[in-house]
Amino acid sequence: MTYRDTLNCMPDLISVRLDTTTRRALIKLQQMGLSQSDAIRMAIQDAASALREPKKLAAEMAALEANPTDRAEMLLIAKFMEDLSE
């Protein structure tokens, strides 16, 4: 006699806190027809793909560091994270 069992695997669930800029970007993607899940999956996959292309990633990082607004936000986040660890 054979015993069988069906395993129903649920996809991994995560929660994310969105800042205003990210929320606006997500809304734009949804307006283009993507669901929240599809947009987030696409962003994660794009980020992972970028990691496999170090020159492209280095160029994006250089552009971010050259942008005074982005640079100020990076420093603010770094300070916030440092304060959390104290």
N, C-alpha and C. Protein backbone atom coordinates (compact mmCIF):
# COMPACT_ATOMS: atom_id res chain seq x y z
N MET A 1 0.85 -1.18 0.00
CA MET A 1 0.00 0.00 0.00
C MET A 1 0.89 1.24 0.00
N THR A 2 0.51 2.23 -0.79
CA THR A 2 1.26 3.48 -0.88
C THR A 2 0.49 4.58 -0.17
N TYR A 3 1.21 5.30 0.67
CA TYR A 3 0.62 6.45 1.33
C TYR A 3 1.11 7.71 0.62
N ARG A 4 0.20 8.56 0.32
CA ARG A 4 0.54 9.82 -0.36
C ARG A 4 0.03 10.99 0.46
N ASP A 5 0.77 12.05 0.34
CA ASP A 5 0.38 13.27 1.05
C ASP A 5 0.65 14.44 0.13
N THR A 6 -0.20 15.41 0.14
CA THR A 6 -0.02 16.60 -0.67
C THR A 6 0.44 17.73 0.24
N LEU A 7 1.52 18.35 -0.16
CA LEU A 7 2.02 19.49 0.60
C LEU A 7 1.63 20.77 -0.14
N ASN A 8 0.93 21.61 0.53
CA ASN A 8 0.57 22.90 -0.05
C ASN A 8 1.57 23.92 0.47
N CYS A 9 2.46 24.35 -0.37
CA CYS A 9 3.47 25.32 0.04
C CYS A 9 2.96 26.73 -0.24
N MET A 10 2.96 27.52 0.78
CA MET A 10 2.57 28.91 0.62
C MET A 10 3.80 29.70 0.20
N PRO A 11 3.62 30.66 -0.69
CA PRO A 11 4.76 31.51 -1.04
C PRO A 11 5.24 32.28 0.20
N ASP A 12 6.50 32.64 0.19
CA ASP A 12 7.03 33.43 1.29
C ASP A 12 6.32 34.78 1.36
N LEU A 13 5.95 35.17 2.55
CA LEU A 13 5.31 36.47 2.75
C LEU A 13 6.29 37.37 3.47
N ILE A 14 6.36 38.62 3.04
CA ILE A 14 7.20 39.60 3.71
C ILE A 14 6.39 40.86 3.91
N SER A 15 6.83 41.67 4.85
CA SER A 15 6.22 42.99 5.00
C SER A 15 7.32 44.02 4.77
N VAL A 16 6.92 45.13 4.21
CA VAL A 16 7.87 46.17 3.83
C VAL A 16 7.33 47.52 4.26
N ARG A 17 8.20 48.33 4.82
CA ARG A 17 7.82 49.72 5.13
C ARG A 17 8.30 50.57 3.96
N LEU A 18 7.39 51.28 3.34
CA LEU A 18 7.72 52.10 2.18
C LEU A 18 7.85 53.55 2.58
N ASP A 19 8.89 54.20 2.08
CA ASP A 19 8.97 55.64 2.25
C ASP A 19 8.11 56.29 1.16
N THR A 20 7.98 57.58 1.21
CA THR A 20 7.10 58.28 0.28
C THR A 20 7.53 58.07 -1.17
N THR A 21 8.81 58.16 -1.43
CA THR A 21 9.31 58.01 -2.80
C THR A 21 9.03 56.61 -3.34
N THR A 22 9.26 55.61 -2.51
CA THR A 22 9.03 54.23 -2.93
C THR A 22 7.54 53.97 -3.13
N ARG A 23 6.72 54.52 -2.25
CA ARG A 23 5.27 54.36 -2.38
C ARG A 23 4.79 54.97 -3.70
N ARG A 24 5.30 56.14 -4.02
CA ARG A 24 4.90 56.78 -5.30
C ARG A 24 5.33 55.93 -6.48
N ALA A 25 6.54 55.39 -6.41
CA ALA A 25 7.03 54.54 -7.49
C ALA A 25 6.15 53.29 -7.63
N LEU A 26 5.75 52.72 -6.51
CA LEU A 26 4.88 51.54 -6.54
C LEU A 26 3.53 51.88 -7.16
N ILE A 27 2.99 53.02 -6.81
CA ILE A 27 1.71 53.46 -7.38
C ILE A 27 1.83 53.60 -8.89
N LYS A 28 2.95 54.19 -9.37
CA LYS A 28 3.15 54.33 -10.82
C LYS A 28 3.19 52.98 -11.50
N LEU A 29 3.87 52.02 -10.88
CA LEU A 29 3.93 50.68 -11.46
C LEU A 29 2.55 50.02 -11.48
N GLN A 30 1.77 50.24 -10.44
CA GLN A 30 0.41 49.70 -10.41
C GLN A 30 -0.46 50.35 -11.48
N GLN A 31 -0.26 51.63 -11.72
CA GLN A 31 -1.02 52.32 -12.76
C GLN A 31 -0.68 51.78 -14.15
N MET A 32 0.49 51.17 -14.27
CA MET A 32 0.89 50.57 -15.54
C MET A 32 0.36 49.13 -15.66
N GLY A 33 -0.33 48.67 -14.62
CA GLY A 33 -0.96 47.36 -14.70
C GLY A 33 -0.32 46.27 -13.86
N LEU A 34 0.77 46.59 -13.15
CA LEU A 34 1.41 45.59 -12.30
C LEU A 34 0.71 45.53 -10.94
N SER A 35 0.62 44.34 -10.39
CA SER A 35 0.13 44.23 -9.01
C SER A 35 1.27 44.62 -8.08
N GLN A 36 0.95 44.86 -6.81
CA GLN A 36 2.00 45.16 -5.84
C GLN A 36 3.02 44.03 -5.80
N SER A 37 2.54 42.81 -5.74
CA SER A 37 3.44 41.66 -5.67
C SER A 37 4.34 41.57 -6.90
N ASP A 38 3.75 41.77 -8.08
CA ASP A 38 4.55 41.71 -9.31
C ASP A 38 5.62 42.80 -9.33
N ALA A 39 5.24 44.01 -8.92
CA ALA A 39 6.19 45.12 -8.92
C ALA A 39 7.34 44.86 -7.95
N ILE A 40 7.03 44.35 -6.78
CA ILE A 40 8.07 44.07 -5.78
C ILE A 40 8.96 42.92 -6.24
N ARG A 41 8.34 41.86 -6.79
CA ARG A 41 9.13 40.74 -7.32
C ARG A 41 10.08 41.23 -8.41
N MET A 42 9.57 42.08 -9.31
CA MET A 42 10.38 42.60 -10.41
C MET A 42 11.56 43.41 -9.86
N ALA A 43 11.31 44.24 -8.85
CA ALA A 43 12.37 45.06 -8.28
C ALA A 43 13.45 44.19 -7.63
N ILE A 44 13.04 43.16 -6.92
CA ILE A 44 14.01 42.27 -6.28
C ILE A 44 14.83 41.54 -7.34
N GLN A 45 14.17 41.06 -8.37
CA GLN A 45 14.88 40.35 -9.43
C GLN A 45 15.83 41.28 -10.18
N ASP A 46 15.40 42.52 -10.42
CA ASP A 46 16.27 43.50 -11.08
C ASP A 46 17.50 43.81 -10.22
N ALA A 47 17.29 43.93 -8.91
CA ALA A 47 18.41 44.20 -8.00
C ALA A 47 19.39 43.03 -8.01
N ALA A 48 18.87 41.82 -7.99
CA ALA A 48 19.75 40.64 -8.01
C ALA A 48 20.50 40.57 -9.34
N SER A 49 19.84 40.92 -10.42
CA SER A 49 20.49 40.92 -11.73
C SER A 49 21.62 41.96 -11.77
N ALA A 50 21.36 43.10 -11.18
CA ALA A 50 22.37 44.16 -11.14
C ALA A 50 23.61 43.72 -10.38
N LEU A 51 23.42 42.90 -9.37
CA LEU A 51 24.56 42.41 -8.59
C LEU A 51 25.47 41.52 -9.43
N ARG A 52 24.88 40.90 -10.45
CA ARG A 52 25.67 40.05 -11.33
C ARG A 52 26.41 40.87 -12.38
N GLU A 53 26.10 42.15 -12.45
CA GLU A 53 26.75 43.05 -13.42
C GLU A 53 27.45 44.16 -12.64
N PRO A 54 28.65 43.88 -12.10
CA PRO A 54 29.31 44.84 -11.20
C PRO A 54 29.60 46.20 -11.82
N LYS A 55 29.92 46.27 -13.11
CA LYS A 55 30.20 47.58 -13.72
C LYS A 55 28.94 48.43 -13.75
N LYS A 56 27.82 47.82 -14.06
CA LYS A 56 26.56 48.56 -14.09
C LYS A 56 26.20 49.03 -12.68
N LEU A 57 26.39 48.14 -11.71
CA LEU A 57 26.09 48.51 -10.33
C LEU A 57 27.01 49.63 -9.86
N ALA A 58 28.29 49.57 -10.22
CA ALA A 58 29.24 50.62 -9.83
C ALA A 58 28.84 51.96 -10.44
N ALA A 59 28.37 51.94 -11.69
CA ALA A 59 27.93 53.18 -12.35
C ALA A 59 26.70 53.75 -11.65
N GLU A 60 25.77 52.88 -11.25
CA GLU A 60 24.57 53.35 -10.55
C GLU A 60 24.94 53.93 -9.19
N MET A 61 25.86 53.28 -8.49
CA MET A 61 26.30 53.79 -7.19
C MET A 61 26.99 55.15 -7.34
N ALA A 62 27.82 55.29 -8.36
CA ALA A 62 28.50 56.56 -8.60
C ALA A 62 27.50 57.66 -8.88
N ALA A 63 26.46 57.34 -9.65
CA ALA A 63 25.42 58.34 -9.96
C ALA A 63 24.67 58.74 -8.70
N LEU A 64 24.37 57.77 -7.85
CA LEU A 64 23.68 58.08 -6.59
C LEU A 64 24.55 58.96 -5.68
N GLU A 65 25.82 58.61 -5.58
CA GLU A 65 26.71 59.38 -4.72
C GLU A 65 26.97 60.78 -5.27
N ALA A 66 26.84 60.96 -6.57
CA ALA A 66 27.05 62.27 -7.18
C ALA A 66 25.82 63.16 -7.01
N ASN A 67 24.68 62.56 -6.72
CA ASN A 67 23.43 63.32 -6.56
C ASN A 67 23.35 63.81 -5.12
N PRO A 68 23.37 65.15 -4.91
CA PRO A 68 23.37 65.68 -3.53
C PRO A 68 22.15 65.26 -2.71
N THR A 69 21.01 65.15 -3.33
CA THR A 69 19.79 64.74 -2.61
C THR A 69 19.91 63.29 -2.15
N ASP A 70 20.34 62.42 -3.06
CA ASP A 70 20.52 61.01 -2.70
C ASP A 70 21.60 60.85 -1.65
N ARG A 71 22.68 61.60 -1.80
CA ARG A 71 23.79 61.52 -0.85
C ARG A 71 23.32 61.94 0.55
N ALA A 72 22.55 63.02 0.64
CA ALA A 72 22.04 63.48 1.93
C ALA A 72 21.12 62.42 2.55
N GLU A 73 20.30 61.79 1.72
CA GLU A 73 19.40 60.75 2.24
C GLU A 73 20.20 59.53 2.73
N MET A 74 21.25 59.15 1.99
CA MET A 74 22.09 58.03 2.42
C MET A 74 22.72 58.32 3.79
N LEU A 75 23.22 59.54 3.95
CA LEU A 75 23.84 59.91 5.22
C LEU A 75 22.83 59.94 6.36
N LEU A 76 21.62 60.41 6.06
CA LEU A 76 20.56 60.45 7.05
C LEU A 76 20.18 59.03 7.49
N ILE A 77 20.06 58.13 6.55
CA ILE A 77 19.72 56.74 6.86
C ILE A 77 20.85 56.09 7.65
N ALA A 78 22.09 56.34 7.25
CA ALA A 78 23.23 55.78 7.97
C ALA A 78 23.24 56.25 9.42
N LYS A 79 22.97 57.54 9.64
CA LYS A 79 22.92 58.08 11.01
C LYS A 79 21.79 57.44 11.79
N PHE A 80 20.63 57.31 11.15
CA PHE A 80 19.47 56.69 11.79
C PHE A 80 19.81 55.26 12.22
N MET A 81 20.44 54.48 11.33
CA MET A 81 20.80 53.10 11.64
C MET A 81 21.82 53.04 12.77
N GLU A 82 22.75 53.98 12.76
CA GLU A 82 23.75 54.05 13.82
C GLU A 82 23.08 54.34 15.18
N ASP A 83 22.14 55.28 15.17
CA ASP A 83 21.42 55.63 16.39
C ASP A 83 20.61 54.43 16.92
N LEU A 84 20.08 53.62 16.02
CA LEU A 84 19.31 52.45 16.43
C LEU A 84 20.18 51.43 17.15
N SER A 85 21.43 51.35 16.74
CA SER A 85 22.32 50.33 17.30
C SER A 85 22.87 50.73 18.67
N GLU A 86 22.66 51.94 19.09
CA GLU A 86 23.19 52.40 20.39
C GLU A 86 22.29 51.99 21.53
